[in-house]
Amino acid sequence: MADAGRLPARISYGGILWRDSLVKWLERLVVRRFPQLSLALAVLFIAAVSAVLWKKAVTLDQLSKAVDSILKGLAILLGALWSLNRYFTTRTDYPQLRVDMAVNFVPSTAFGKDSLYGLLSYRLDIVNTGKTLLPVTGYCVELANVILSQEAVAYEKFHRWPESGMHSANPIEPGSWGAISEAVACPKDVLAVNLYLDVELEGKRHWTWHRIIPAAPEPTQPGQSVLAAREPANS
């Protein structure tokens, strides 16, 4: 997902950027330095309570109650810190998705020996693997010929769906999916296809996925179709 331009964002949304920076700093601290942070907070908490007790004359019964309160306070503090660690680690409130792909090739010879095109059909399932509504607003798919030129790899687009913009889509419930299925004329000289998916989320955020698929070899008998790829692809 691309970030907005820094200068306009700082002028218009300075408070939001400051808050996001603070959250990111807290996330790094809680996730990467959890043992050190827990130990430091425990020592500070015990030291603070001990300093209060040191200034007051306390009885043995009061000291016992104070120790009990310290232990309970530490349990609550460390429990809250652990919950925050799990929240940042699992990201249950963040969009989570997976793309399942199935692709079939029918070679050009199936349509006659002089045919310049074969048939490529694909199906993409965008699966909501998270626990919250996936705020999808649109899709687009691009197919490109993968060309190897000496030591360089180039991509030559030969199809886009839709032709421009994004195809509107509805949000996806947890455990459900949205599907894209299409048949495309594929030039016979294509040896590998780069299949690119762009999922637009609410707020003009974008999540992208791509997979390079080897084109199926020409079959020996006309009319024979070849299953080129069928696999789940983790996001």
Protein backbone atom coordinates (compact mmCIF):
# COMPACT_ATOMS: atom_id res chain seq x y z
CA MET A 1 0.00 0.00 0.00
CA ALA A 2 1.44 3.28 -1.08
CA ASP A 3 1.85 6.11 1.42
CA ALA A 4 0.53 9.56 0.68
CA GLY A 5 2.94 12.35 -0.18
CA ARG A 6 4.80 13.36 2.93
CA LEU A 7 4.63 17.16 2.72
CA PRO A 8 0.86 17.53 2.12
CA ALA A 9 0.17 14.81 4.69
CA ARG A 10 2.17 16.65 7.34
CA ILE A 11 0.34 19.91 6.64
CA SER A 12 -3.19 18.49 6.53
CA TYR A 13 -2.92 15.49 8.78
CA GLY A 14 -0.09 16.27 11.17
CA GLY A 15 -2.02 15.01 14.20
CA ILE A 16 -2.81 11.70 12.49
CA LEU A 17 0.83 11.18 11.46
CA TRP A 18 2.01 11.93 14.98
CA ARG A 19 -0.47 9.42 16.39
CA ASP A 20 0.51 6.76 13.81
CA SER A 21 4.19 7.27 14.61
CA LEU A 22 3.48 6.84 18.32
CA VAL A 23 1.51 3.63 17.68
CA LYS A 24 4.32 2.23 15.50
CA TRP A 25 6.90 3.08 18.17
CA LEU A 26 4.76 1.38 20.84
CA GLU A 27 4.30 -1.67 18.59
CA ARG A 28 8.05 -2.08 18.06
CA LEU A 29 8.66 -1.71 21.78
CA VAL A 30 5.98 -4.20 22.87
CA VAL A 31 6.70 -6.83 20.19
CA ARG A 32 10.50 -6.71 19.88
CA ARG A 33 11.42 -5.79 23.47
CA PHE A 34 8.69 -7.56 25.41
CA PRO A 35 10.93 -9.34 27.99
CA GLN A 36 13.04 -6.23 28.66
CA LEU A 37 9.95 -4.00 28.86
CA SER A 38 8.18 -6.39 31.24
CA LEU A 39 11.21 -6.56 33.53
CA ALA A 40 11.69 -2.79 33.50
CA LEU A 41 8.04 -2.09 34.32
CA ALA A 42 8.04 -4.69 37.11
CA VAL A 43 11.16 -3.17 38.69
CA LEU A 44 9.76 0.37 38.41
CA PHE A 45 6.43 -0.68 39.90
CA ILE A 46 8.04 -2.46 42.85
CA ALA A 47 10.45 0.44 43.39
CA ALA A 48 7.61 2.98 43.38
CA VAL A 49 5.54 1.05 45.91
CA SER A 50 8.59 0.34 48.07
CA ALA A 51 9.48 4.04 48.13
CA VAL A 52 5.98 4.90 49.37
CA LEU A 53 6.14 2.24 52.07
CA TRP A 54 9.66 3.32 53.11
CA LYS A 55 8.43 6.80 53.99
CA LYS A 56 5.64 5.46 56.19
CA ALA A 57 5.80 3.41 59.34
CA VAL A 58 3.88 0.24 58.52
CA THR A 59 2.90 -2.71 60.60
CA LEU A 60 3.58 -6.30 59.63
CA ASP A 61 -0.08 -6.71 58.62
CA GLN A 62 0.11 -3.61 56.41
CA LEU A 63 3.33 -4.88 54.86
CA SER A 64 1.67 -8.21 54.08
CA LYS A 65 -1.24 -6.43 52.42
CA ALA A 66 1.17 -4.22 50.51
CA VAL A 67 3.05 -7.25 49.17
CA ASP A 68 -0.24 -8.83 48.14
CA SER A 69 -1.24 -5.60 46.36
CA ILE A 70 2.15 -5.47 44.61
CA LEU A 71 1.74 -9.01 43.29
CA LYS A 72 -1.81 -8.34 42.09
CA GLY A 73 -0.74 -5.06 40.48
CA LEU A 74 2.15 -6.78 38.72
CA ALA A 75 -0.17 -9.51 37.43
CA ILE A 76 -2.58 -6.92 36.02
CA LEU A 77 0.23 -4.85 34.50
CA LEU A 78 2.00 -7.80 32.87
CA GLY A 79 -1.34 -9.24 31.71
CA ALA A 80 -2.22 -5.98 30.00
CA LEU A 81 1.23 -5.84 28.41
CA TRP A 82 0.90 -9.43 27.15
CA SER A 83 -2.56 -8.67 25.71
CA LEU A 84 -1.08 -5.68 23.88
CA ASN A 85 1.73 -7.89 22.57
CA ARG A 86 -0.78 -10.45 21.25
CA TYR A 87 -2.87 -7.68 19.69
CA PHE A 88 0.09 -6.28 17.76
CA THR A 89 1.29 -9.79 16.78
CA THR A 90 -1.97 -11.32 15.54
CA ARG A 91 -3.55 -8.14 14.12
CA THR A 92 -7.04 -9.61 14.41
CA ASP A 93 -8.63 -6.27 13.54
CA TYR A 94 -6.58 -5.82 10.37
CA PRO A 95 -7.71 -6.99 6.89
CA GLN A 96 -6.32 -10.45 6.13
CA LEU A 97 -6.83 -12.21 2.83
CA ARG A 98 -5.62 -15.06 0.64
CA VAL A 99 -5.80 -15.61 -3.11
CA ASP A 100 -6.67 -19.07 -4.46
CA MET A 101 -5.84 -19.47 -8.13
CA ALA A 102 -6.88 -21.87 -10.90
CA VAL A 103 -5.60 -21.40 -14.48
CA ASN A 104 -6.27 -23.44 -17.64
CA PHE A 105 -4.63 -23.16 -21.05
CA VAL A 106 -6.09 -24.39 -24.32
CA PRO A 107 -3.35 -24.23 -27.01
CA SER A 108 -3.79 -22.46 -30.33
CA THR A 109 -3.74 -25.75 -32.28
CA ALA A 110 -7.08 -26.64 -30.71
CA PHE A 111 -8.62 -23.85 -32.79
CA GLY A 112 -6.90 -24.77 -36.07
CA LYS A 113 -3.31 -25.01 -37.22
CA ASP A 114 -3.28 -21.39 -38.42
CA SER A 115 -4.73 -19.90 -35.27
CA LEU A 116 -2.59 -17.17 -33.68
CA TYR A 117 -4.27 -17.42 -30.30
CA GLY A 118 -4.91 -20.01 -27.66
CA LEU A 119 -7.33 -19.71 -24.77
CA LEU A 120 -6.37 -18.85 -21.20
CA SER A 121 -9.02 -19.11 -18.51
CA TYR A 122 -8.46 -18.22 -14.89
CA ARG A 123 -10.34 -18.01 -11.63
CA LEU A 124 -9.16 -16.05 -8.61
CA ASP A 125 -10.85 -16.42 -5.24
CA ILE A 126 -10.13 -13.57 -2.82
CA VAL A 127 -10.71 -15.24 0.56
CA ASN A 128 -11.23 -13.25 3.74
CA THR A 129 -9.13 -15.17 6.27
CA GLY A 130 -9.45 -12.49 8.96
CA LYS A 131 -12.03 -11.94 11.68
CA THR A 132 -13.37 -8.61 10.43
CA LEU A 133 -15.24 -7.46 7.33
CA LEU A 134 -12.86 -7.08 4.38
CA PRO A 135 -13.67 -3.60 3.00
CA VAL A 136 -13.16 -4.39 -0.70
CA THR A 137 -14.38 -1.72 -3.11
CA GLY A 138 -12.86 -2.85 -6.42
CA TYR A 139 -10.63 -5.24 -8.41
CA CYS A 140 -8.53 -5.20 -11.52
CA VAL A 141 -6.54 -7.97 -13.22
CA GLU A 142 -3.66 -7.63 -15.69
CA LEU A 143 -2.07 -10.36 -17.83
CA ALA A 144 1.39 -9.84 -19.28
CA ASN A 145 3.72 -11.88 -21.46
CA VAL A 146 6.97 -12.60 -19.60
CA ILE A 147 9.83 -12.05 -22.06
CA LEU A 148 13.41 -13.10 -21.43
CA SER A 149 15.91 -10.93 -23.32
CA GLN A 150 19.45 -12.08 -22.64
CA GLU A 151 19.84 -11.44 -18.89
CA ALA A 152 16.81 -9.14 -18.53
CA VAL A 153 13.16 -9.96 -17.93
CA ALA A 154 10.45 -7.74 -19.42
CA TYR A 155 6.67 -7.73 -19.16
CA GLU A 156 4.42 -7.01 -22.14
CA LYS A 157 0.79 -6.53 -21.11
CA PHE A 158 -1.76 -8.09 -23.46
CA HIS A 159 -4.94 -7.96 -21.35
CA ARG A 160 -6.54 -5.91 -18.57
CA TRP A 161 -9.85 -6.38 -16.81
CA PRO A 162 -11.62 -4.03 -16.74
CA GLU A 163 -10.08 -2.03 -19.57
CA SER A 164 -9.70 1.01 -17.30
CA GLY A 165 -10.31 1.88 -13.67
CA MET A 166 -11.49 -0.69 -11.12
CA HIS A 167 -14.37 -3.14 -11.27
CA SER A 168 -16.65 -2.32 -8.34
CA ALA A 169 -16.97 -5.01 -5.66
CA ASN A 170 -18.72 -5.59 -2.36
CA PRO A 171 -17.12 -6.11 1.07
CA ILE A 172 -16.34 -9.73 1.97
CA GLU A 173 -17.52 -11.29 5.22
CA PRO A 174 -15.06 -13.31 7.39
CA GLY A 175 -14.72 -16.85 6.02
CA SER A 176 -16.31 -15.86 2.71
CA TRP A 177 -14.78 -14.95 -0.65
CA GLY A 178 -15.14 -12.92 -3.83
CA ALA A 179 -14.36 -14.53 -7.18
CA ILE A 180 -13.05 -13.32 -10.54
CA SER A 181 -13.37 -15.65 -13.53
CA GLU A 182 -12.58 -14.90 -17.16
CA ALA A 183 -11.49 -16.44 -20.47
CA VAL A 184 -8.89 -14.55 -22.51
CA ALA A 185 -7.36 -14.92 -25.97
CA CYS A 186 -3.67 -15.66 -25.37
CA PRO A 187 -1.06 -15.14 -28.13
CA LYS A 188 0.47 -18.45 -29.17
CA ASP A 189 4.05 -17.21 -28.67
CA VAL A 190 3.51 -16.57 -24.95
CA LEU A 191 5.72 -18.89 -22.88
CA ALA A 192 4.88 -17.53 -19.44
CA VAL A 193 2.17 -15.24 -18.11
CA ASN A 194 2.41 -12.79 -15.23
CA LEU A 195 -1.03 -12.69 -13.58
CA TYR A 196 -1.40 -9.52 -11.51
CA LEU A 197 -4.28 -8.72 -9.16
CA ASP A 198 -4.98 -5.34 -7.57
CA VAL A 199 -7.54 -5.28 -4.75
CA GLU A 200 -8.79 -1.84 -3.78
CA LEU A 201 -9.85 -1.44 -0.17
CA GLU A 202 -11.86 1.28 1.52
CA GLY A 203 -10.03 4.58 1.74
CA LYS A 204 -8.29 4.04 -1.64
CA ARG A 205 -5.82 1.59 -0.10
CA HIS A 206 -4.50 -1.12 -2.41
CA TRP A 207 -3.38 -4.72 -1.84
CA THR A 208 -1.58 -6.40 -4.75
CA TRP A 209 -0.71 -9.99 -5.65
CA HIS A 210 0.93 -11.60 -8.67
CA ARG A 211 2.06 -14.98 -9.89
CA ILE A 212 4.11 -16.04 -12.93
CA ILE A 213 2.53 -19.03 -14.66
CA PRO A 214 4.39 -21.13 -17.24
CA ALA A 215 2.29 -21.51 -20.38
CA ALA A 216 1.36 -25.09 -21.17
CA PRO A 217 3.27 -26.80 -24.00
CA GLU A 218 1.45 -27.44 -27.26
CA PRO A 219 -0.33 -30.85 -27.02
CA THR A 220 0.24 -33.49 -29.66
CA GLN A 221 -3.47 -33.87 -30.43
CA PRO A 222 -5.70 -30.96 -31.52
CA GLY A 223 -8.51 -30.19 -29.10
CA GLN A 224 -6.59 -31.32 -26.03
CA SER A 225 -6.67 -28.81 -23.17
CA VAL A 226 -3.93 -28.54 -20.60
CA LEU A 227 -4.34 -27.64 -16.94
CA ALA A 228 -1.44 -25.30 -16.38
CA ALA A 229 -1.87 -24.31 -12.76
CA ARG A 230 -4.22 -24.93 -9.90
CA GLU A 231 -3.09 -24.01 -6.44
CA PRO A 232 -3.87 -21.94 -3.39
CA ALA A 233 -1.49 -18.98 -3.18
CA ASN A 234 -0.96 -17.43 0.24
CA SER A 235 -1.02 -13.70 0.43
